[in-house]
């Protein structure tokens, strides 16, 4: 029952953010991604979070170069 309540709150938070822009990266990380990691039990045994090392990803699409970076990396033993 507790897990279901968490999902409902995360979903409600998402829709609240969606209808009151701007949806900035840090806000999404704090309000959506972090609760999902807890609800999905990614902080429990067999999974661990590695400290952020800058990792840039780059891809070209129709002559436009798209760049981004990885903020969170979840690994499994």
PDB file of N, CA and C in Angstrom:
ATOM      1  N   UNK A   1       0.824  -1.188   0.000  1.00  0.00           N
ATOM      2  CA  UNK A   1       0.000   0.000   0.000  1.00  0.00           C
ATOM      3  C   UNK A   1       0.873   1.258   0.000  1.00  0.00           C
ATOM      4  N   UNK A   2       1.967   1.234   0.737  1.00  0.00           N
ATOM      5  CA  UNK A   2       2.879   2.377   0.806  1.00  0.00           C
ATOM      6  C   UNK A   2       3.478   2.686  -0.563  1.00  0.00           C
ATOM      7  N   UNK A   3       3.868   1.640  -1.306  1.00  0.00           N
ATOM      8  CA  UNK A   3       4.453   1.835  -2.632  1.00  0.00           C
ATOM      9  C   UNK A   3       3.449   2.484  -3.577  1.00  0.00           C
ATOM     10  N   UNK A   4       2.221   2.045  -3.537  1.00  0.00           N
ATOM     11  CA  UNK A   4       1.174   2.626  -4.392  1.00  0.00           C
ATOM     12  C   UNK A   4       0.988   4.112  -4.080  1.00  0.00           C
ATOM     13  N   UNK A   5       1.022   4.459  -2.800  1.00  0.00           N
ATOM     14  CA  UNK A   5       0.888   5.865  -2.402  1.00  0.00           C
ATOM     15  C   UNK A   5       2.060   6.686  -2.950  1.00  0.00           C
ATOM     16  N   UNK A   6       3.257   6.112  -2.950  1.00  0.00           N
ATOM     17  CA  UNK A   6       4.424   6.808  -3.487  1.00  0.00           C
ATOM     18  C   UNK A   6       4.254   7.084  -4.974  1.00  0.00           C
ATOM     19  N   UNK A   7       3.802   6.074  -5.732  1.00  0.00           N
ATOM     20  CA  UNK A   7       3.606   6.252  -7.170  1.00  0.00           C
ATOM     21  C   UNK A   7       2.564   7.320  -7.462  1.00  0.00           C
ATOM     22  N   UNK A   8       1.496   7.320  -6.680  1.00  0.00           N
ATOM     23  CA  UNK A   8       0.435   8.318  -6.866  1.00  0.00           C
ATOM     24  C   UNK A   8       0.981   9.724  -6.616  1.00  0.00           C
ATOM     25  N   UNK A   9       1.787   9.878  -5.573  1.00  0.00           N
ATOM     26  CA  UNK A   9       2.374  11.192  -5.275  1.00  0.00           C
ATOM     27  C   UNK A   9       3.350  11.632  -6.366  1.00  0.00           C
ATOM     28  N   UNK A  10       4.165  10.710  -6.866  1.00  0.00           N
ATOM     29  CA  UNK A  10       5.119  11.050  -7.929  1.00  0.00           C
ATOM     30  C   UNK A  10       4.357  11.484  -9.180  1.00  0.00           C
ATOM     31  N   UNK A  11       3.318  10.747  -9.530  1.00  0.00           N
ATOM     32  CA  UNK A  11       2.511  11.082 -10.703  1.00  0.00           C
ATOM     33  C   UNK A  11       1.843  12.445 -10.529  1.00  0.00           C
ATOM     34  N   UNK A  12       1.280  12.696  -9.369  1.00  0.00           N
ATOM     35  CA  UNK A  12       0.628  13.985  -9.099  1.00  0.00           C
ATOM     36  C   UNK A  12       1.648  15.118  -9.177  1.00  0.00           C
ATOM     37  N   UNK A  13       2.839  14.886  -8.648  1.00  0.00           N
ATOM     38  CA  UNK A  13       3.894  15.894  -8.718  1.00  0.00           C
ATOM     39  C   UNK A  13       4.296  16.196 -10.146  1.00  0.00           C
ATOM     40  N   UNK A  14       4.388  15.153 -10.968  1.00  0.00           N
ATOM     41  CA  UNK A  14       4.730  15.343 -12.378  1.00  0.00           C
ATOM     42  C   UNK A  14       3.693  16.218 -13.080  1.00  0.00           C
ATOM     43  N   UNK A  15       2.412  15.881 -12.907  1.00  0.00           N
ATOM     44  CA  UNK A  15       1.366  16.656 -13.581  1.00  0.00           C
ATOM     45  C   UNK A  15       1.299  18.089 -13.057  1.00  0.00           C
ATOM     46  N   UNK A  16       1.572  18.268 -11.777  1.00  0.00           N
ATOM     47  CA  UNK A  16       1.616  19.618 -11.231  1.00  0.00           C
ATOM     48  C   UNK A  16       2.723  20.428 -11.904  1.00  0.00           C
ATOM     49  N   UNK A  17       3.895  19.827 -12.069  1.00  0.00           N
ATOM     50  CA  UNK A  17       5.009  20.515 -12.737  1.00  0.00           C
ATOM     51  C   UNK A  17       4.708  20.758 -14.206  1.00  0.00           C
ATOM     52  N   UNK A  18       4.064  19.786 -14.832  1.00  0.00           N
ATOM     53  CA  UNK A  18       3.770  19.887 -16.265  1.00  0.00           C
ATOM     54  C   UNK A  18       2.865  21.072 -16.582  1.00  0.00           C
ATOM     55  N   UNK A  19       1.948  21.343 -15.683  1.00  0.00           N
ATOM     56  CA  UNK A  19       0.999  22.431 -15.931  1.00  0.00           C
ATOM     57  C   UNK A  19       1.439  23.760 -15.317  1.00  0.00           C
ATOM     58  N   UNK A  20       2.624  23.795 -14.756  1.00  0.00           N
ATOM     59  CA  UNK A  20       3.164  25.065 -14.257  1.00  0.00           C
ATOM     60  C   UNK A  20       4.627  25.173 -14.671  1.00  0.00           C
ATOM     61  N   UNK A  21       4.867  25.400 -15.987  1.00  0.00           N
ATOM     62  CA  UNK A  21       6.227  25.464 -16.515  1.00  0.00           C
ATOM     63  C   UNK A  21       6.997  26.633 -15.925  1.00  0.00           C
ATOM     64  N   UNK A  22       8.297  26.670 -16.051  1.00  0.00           N
ATOM     65  CA  UNK A  22       9.133  25.799 -16.871  1.00  0.00           C
ATOM     66  C   UNK A  22       9.540  24.530 -16.113  1.00  0.00           C
ATOM     67  N   UNK A  23       9.707  23.439 -16.862  1.00  0.00           N
ATOM     68  CA  UNK A  23      10.166  22.178 -16.284  1.00  0.00           C
ATOM     69  C   UNK A  23      11.689  22.137 -16.409  1.00  0.00           C
ATOM     70  N   UNK A  24      12.369  22.615 -15.401  1.00  0.00           N
ATOM     71  CA  UNK A  24      13.824  22.670 -15.417  1.00  0.00           C
ATOM     72  C   UNK A  24      14.422  21.348 -14.938  1.00  0.00           C
ATOM     73  N   UNK A  25      15.626  21.056 -15.416  1.00  0.00           N
ATOM     74  CA  UNK A  25      16.278  19.771 -15.147  1.00  0.00           C
ATOM     75  C   UNK A  25      16.416  19.479 -13.657  1.00  0.00           C
ATOM     76  N   UNK A  26      16.890  20.418 -12.887  1.00  0.00           N
ATOM     77  CA  UNK A  26      17.097  20.184 -11.450  1.00  0.00           C
ATOM     78  C   UNK A  26      15.782  19.929 -10.724  1.00  0.00           C
ATOM     79  N   UNK A  27      14.739  20.641 -11.127  1.00  0.00           N
ATOM     80  CA  UNK A  27      13.427  20.442 -10.505  1.00  0.00           C
ATOM     81  C   UNK A  27      12.910  19.040 -10.802  1.00  0.00           C
ATOM     82  N   UNK A  28      13.052  18.585 -12.043  1.00  0.00           N
ATOM     83  CA  UNK A  28      12.615  17.231 -12.418  1.00  0.00           C
ATOM     84  C   UNK A  28      13.418  16.190 -11.653  1.00  0.00           C
ATOM     85  N   UNK A  29      14.724  16.408 -11.538  1.00  0.00           N
ATOM     86  CA  UNK A  29      15.575  15.466 -10.816  1.00  0.00           C
ATOM     87  C   UNK A  29      15.146  15.332  -9.358  1.00  0.00           C
ATOM     88  N   UNK A  30      14.899  16.453  -8.712  1.00  0.00           N
ATOM     89  CA  UNK A  30      14.517  16.421  -7.302  1.00  0.00           C
ATOM     90  C   UNK A  30      13.113  15.874  -7.074  1.00  0.00           C
ATOM     91  N   UNK A  31      12.178  16.235  -7.935  1.00  0.00           N
ATOM     92  CA  UNK A  31      10.788  15.895  -7.669  1.00  0.00           C
ATOM     93  C   UNK A  31      10.307  14.612  -8.328  1.00  0.00           C
ATOM     94  N   UNK A  32      10.959  14.165  -9.390  1.00  0.00           N
ATOM     95  CA  UNK A  32      10.508  12.972 -10.102  1.00  0.00           C
ATOM     96  C   UNK A  32      11.540  11.850 -10.054  1.00  0.00           C
ATOM     97  N   UNK A  33      12.771  12.124 -10.476  1.00  0.00           N
ATOM     98  CA  UNK A  33      13.785  11.069 -10.594  1.00  0.00           C
ATOM     99  C   UNK A  33      14.166  10.495  -9.229  1.00  0.00           C
ATOM    100  N   UNK A  34      14.452  11.342  -8.258  1.00  0.00           N
ATOM    101  CA  UNK A  34      14.844  10.837  -6.938  1.00  0.00           C
ATOM    102  C   UNK A  34      13.760   9.979  -6.289  1.00  0.00           C
ATOM    103  N   UNK A  35      12.501  10.430  -6.271  1.00  0.00           N
ATOM    104  CA  UNK A  35      11.461   9.550  -5.709  1.00  0.00           C
ATOM    105  C   UNK A  35      11.295   8.234  -6.470  1.00  0.00           C
ATOM    106  N   UNK A  36      11.479   8.261  -7.802  1.00  0.00           N
ATOM    107  CA  UNK A  36      11.394   7.019  -8.573  1.00  0.00           C
ATOM    108  C   UNK A  36      12.510   6.052  -8.186  1.00  0.00           C
ATOM    109  N   UNK A  37      13.707   6.577  -7.956  1.00  0.00           N
ATOM    110  CA  UNK A  37      14.820   5.717  -7.528  1.00  0.00           C
ATOM    111  C   UNK A  37      14.525   5.075  -6.184  1.00  0.00           C
ATOM    112  N   UNK A  38      13.929   5.833  -5.247  1.00  0.00           N
ATOM    113  CA  UNK A  38      13.556   5.263  -3.953  1.00  0.00           C
ATOM    114  C   UNK A  38      12.435   4.247  -4.104  1.00  0.00           C
ATOM    115  N   UNK A  39      11.391   4.593  -4.853  1.00  0.00           N
ATOM    116  CA  UNK A  39      10.252   3.688  -5.021  1.00  0.00           C
ATOM    117  C   UNK A  39      10.664   2.400  -5.732  1.00  0.00           C
ATOM    118  N   UNK A  40      11.609   2.504  -6.659  1.00  0.00           N
ATOM    119  CA  UNK A  40      12.096   1.327  -7.379  1.00  0.00           C
ATOM    120  C   UNK A  40      13.152   0.554  -6.618  1.00  0.00           C
ATOM    121  N   UNK A  41      13.448   0.978  -5.392  1.00  0.00           N
ATOM    122  CA  UNK A  41      14.409   0.328  -4.495  1.00  0.00           C
ATOM    123  C   UNK A  41      15.822   0.283  -5.064  1.00  0.00           C
ATOM    124  N   UNK A  42      16.187   1.302  -5.820  1.00  0.00           N
ATOM    125  CA  UNK A  42      17.522   1.360  -6.399  1.00  0.00           C
ATOM    126  C   UNK A  42      18.599   1.765  -5.385  1.00  0.00           C
ATOM    127  N   UNK A  43      18.198   2.068  -4.156  1.00  0.00           N
ATOM    128  CA  UNK A  43      19.179   2.384  -3.120  1.00  0.00           C
ATOM    129  C   UNK A  43      19.421   1.190  -2.196  1.00  0.00           C
ATOM    130  N   UNK A  44      18.811   0.046  -2.504  1.00  0.00           N
ATOM    131  CA  UNK A  44      18.975  -1.149  -1.680  1.00  0.00           C
ATOM    132  C   UNK A  44      20.083  -2.047  -2.230  1.00  0.00           C
ATOM    133  N   UNK A  45      20.369  -3.113  -1.505  1.00  0.00           N
ATOM    134  CA  UNK A  45      21.435  -4.055  -1.851  1.00  0.00           C
ATOM    135  C   UNK A  45      21.334  -4.527  -3.305  1.00  0.00           C
ATOM    136  N   UNK A  46      22.459  -4.720  -3.904  1.00  0.00           N
ATOM    137  CA  UNK A  46      22.686  -5.125  -5.295  1.00  0.00           C
ATOM    138  C   UNK A  46      22.729  -3.931  -6.245  1.00  0.00           C
ATOM    139  N   UNK A  47      22.250  -2.782  -5.806  1.00  0.00           N
ATOM    140  CA  UNK A  47      22.372  -1.567  -6.607  1.00  0.00           C
ATOM    141  C   UNK A  47      23.202  -0.570  -5.821  1.00  0.00           C
ATOM    142  N   UNK A  48      23.933   0.251  -6.513  1.00  0.00           N
ATOM    143  CA  UNK A  48      24.650   1.327  -5.838  1.00  0.00           C
ATOM    144  C   UNK A  48      24.784   2.510  -6.783  1.00  0.00           C
ATOM    145  N   UNK A  49      24.876   3.664  -6.187  1.00  0.00           N
ATOM    146  CA  UNK A  49      24.979   4.906  -6.937  1.00  0.00           C
ATOM    147  C   UNK A  49      26.447   5.313  -6.956  1.00  0.00           C
ATOM    148  N   UNK A  50      26.960   5.611  -8.126  1.00  0.00           N
ATOM    149  CA  UNK A  50      28.347   6.062  -8.261  1.00  0.00           C
ATOM    150  C   UNK A  50      28.367   7.582  -8.275  1.00  0.00           C
ATOM    151  N   UNK A  51      29.402   8.160  -7.684  1.00  0.00           N
ATOM    152  CA  UNK A  51      29.540   9.615  -7.749  1.00  0.00           C
ATOM    153  C   UNK A  51      29.626  10.065  -9.202  1.00  0.00           C
ATOM    154  N   UNK A  52      29.130  11.233  -9.434  1.00  0.00           N
ATOM    155  CA  UNK A  52      29.079  11.751 -10.795  1.00  0.00           C
ATOM    156  C   UNK A  52      30.474  12.090 -11.307  1.00  0.00           C
ATOM    157  N   UNK A  53      30.825  11.471 -12.411  1.00  0.00           N
ATOM    158  CA  UNK A  53      31.993  11.865 -13.181  1.00  0.00           C
ATOM    159  C   UNK A  53      31.434  12.416 -14.471  1.00  0.00           C
ATOM    160  N   UNK A  54      31.977  13.491 -14.931  1.00  0.00           N
ATOM    161  CA  UNK A  54      31.413  14.123 -16.119  1.00  0.00           C
ATOM    162  C   UNK A  54      31.495  13.179 -17.304  1.00  0.00           C
ATOM    163  N   UNK A  55      30.368  12.888 -17.885  1.00  0.00           N
ATOM    164  CA  UNK A  55      30.274  12.024 -19.043  1.00  0.00           C
ATOM    165  C   UNK A  55      29.372  12.723 -20.048  1.00  0.00           C
ATOM    166  N   UNK A  56      29.958  13.167 -21.130  1.00  0.00           N
ATOM    167  CA  UNK A  56      29.191  13.884 -22.138  1.00  0.00           C
ATOM    168  C   UNK A  56      28.825  12.947 -23.279  1.00  0.00           C
ATOM    169  N   UNK A  57      27.610  13.057 -23.739  1.00  0.00           N
ATOM    170  CA  UNK A  57      27.115  12.271 -24.859  1.00  0.00           C
ATOM    171  C   UNK A  57      26.833  13.239 -26.000  1.00  0.00           C
ATOM    172  N   UNK A  58      27.248  12.865 -27.187  1.00  0.00           N
ATOM    173  CA  UNK A  58      27.046  13.725 -28.348  1.00  0.00           C
ATOM    174  C   UNK A  58      26.532  12.891 -29.511  1.00  0.00           C
ATOM    175  N   UNK A  59      25.552  13.423 -30.233  1.00  0.00           N
ATOM    176  CA  UNK A  59      24.963  12.728 -31.371  1.00  0.00           C
ATOM    177  C   UNK A  59      24.593  13.757 -32.431  1.00  0.00           C
ATOM    178  N   UNK A  60      24.812  13.407 -33.681  1.00  0.00           N
ATOM    179  CA  UNK A  60      24.439  14.304 -34.767  1.00  0.00           C
ATOM    180  C   UNK A  60      23.134  13.817 -35.385  1.00  0.00           C
ATOM    181  N   UNK A  61      22.212  14.748 -35.590  1.00  0.00           N
ATOM    182  CA  UNK A  61      20.910  14.425 -36.170  1.00  0.00           C
ATOM    183  C   UNK A  61      20.566  15.491 -37.207  1.00  0.00           C
ATOM    184  N   UNK A  62      20.580  15.099 -38.469  1.00  0.00           N
ATOM    185  CA  UNK A  62      20.276  15.990 -39.571  1.00  0.00           C
ATOM    186  C   UNK A  62      21.112  17.276 -39.523  1.00  0.00           C
ATOM    187  N   UNK A  63      22.391  17.108 -39.281  1.00  0.00           N
ATOM    188  CA  UNK A  63      23.310  18.246 -39.270  1.00  0.00           C
ATOM    189  C   UNK A  63      23.345  19.019 -37.963  1.00  0.00           C
ATOM    190  N   UNK A  64      22.497  18.658 -37.010  1.00  0.00           N
ATOM    191  CA  UNK A  64      22.467  19.331 -35.709  1.00  0.00           C
ATOM    192  C   UNK A  64      23.144  18.430 -34.688  1.00  0.00           C
ATOM    193  N   UNK A  65      24.103  18.975 -33.952  1.00  0.00           N
ATOM    194  CA  UNK A  65      24.793  18.198 -32.917  1.00  0.00           C
ATOM    195  C   UNK A  65      24.056  18.394 -31.599  1.00  0.00           C
ATOM    196  N   UNK A  66      23.633  17.285 -31.011  1.00  0.00           N
ATOM    197  CA  UNK A  66      22.909  17.297 -29.740  1.00  0.00           C
ATOM    198  C   UNK A  66      23.875  16.802 -28.669  1.00  0.00           C
ATOM    199  N   UNK A  67      24.046  17.587 -27.607  1.00  0.00           N
ATOM    200  CA  UNK A  67      24.951  17.212 -26.517  1.00  0.00           C
ATOM    201  C   UNK A  67      24.177  17.160 -25.209  1.00  0.00           C
ATOM    202  N   UNK A  68      24.562  16.222 -24.355  1.00  0.00           N
ATOM    203  CA  UNK A  68      23.967  16.106 -23.030  1.00  0.00           C
ATOM    204  C   UNK A  68      24.964  15.388 -22.133  1.00  0.00           C
ATOM    205  N   UNK A  69      24.635  15.260 -20.875  1.00  0.00           N
ATOM    206  CA  UNK A  69      25.511  14.549 -19.949  1.00  0.00           C
ATOM    207  C   UNK A  69      24.673  13.645 -19.049  1.00  0.00           C
ATOM    208  N   UNK A  70      25.332  12.673 -18.423  1.00  0.00           N
ATOM    209  CA  UNK A  70      24.667  11.748 -17.515  1.00  0.00           C
ATOM    210  C   UNK A  70      24.863  12.257 -16.096  1.00  0.00           C
ATOM    211  N   UNK A  71      23.749  12.423 -15.354  1.00  0.00           N
ATOM    212  CA  UNK A  71      23.818  12.905 -13.983  1.00  0.00           C
ATOM    213  C   UNK A  71      23.853  11.776 -12.963  1.00  0.00           C
ATOM    214  N   UNK A  72      23.097  10.714 -13.235  1.00  0.00           N
ATOM    215  CA  UNK A  72      22.979   9.613 -12.273  1.00  0.00           C
ATOM    216  C   UNK A  72      23.245   8.301 -12.989  1.00  0.00           C
ATOM    217  N   UNK A  73      24.095   7.490 -12.393  1.00  0.00           N
ATOM    218  CA  UNK A  73      24.413   6.188 -12.948  1.00  0.00           C
ATOM    219  C   UNK A  73      24.119   5.152 -11.870  1.00  0.00           C
ATOM    220  N   UNK A  74      23.160   4.262 -12.120  1.00  0.00           N
ATOM    221  CA  UNK A  74      22.786   3.212 -11.176  1.00  0.00           C
ATOM    222  C   UNK A  74      23.370   1.911 -11.687  1.00  0.00           C
ATOM    223  N   UNK A  75      24.144   1.243 -10.839  1.00  0.00           N
ATOM    224  CA  UNK A  75      24.805  -0.004 -11.218  1.00  0.00           C
ATOM    225  C   UNK A  75      24.298  -1.147 -10.354  1.00  0.00           C
ATOM    226  N   UNK A  76      24.366  -2.349 -10.885  1.00  0.00           N
ATOM    227  CA  UNK A  76      23.968  -3.542 -10.142  1.00  0.00           C
ATOM    228  C   UNK A  76      25.189  -4.424  -9.958  1.00  0.00           C
ATOM    229  N   UNK A  77      25.359  -4.957  -8.711  1.00  0.00           N
ATOM    230  CA  UNK A  77      26.474  -5.873  -8.420  1.00  0.00           C
ATOM    231  C   UNK A  77      26.479  -7.047  -9.362  1.00  0.00           C
TER     232      UNK A  77
END
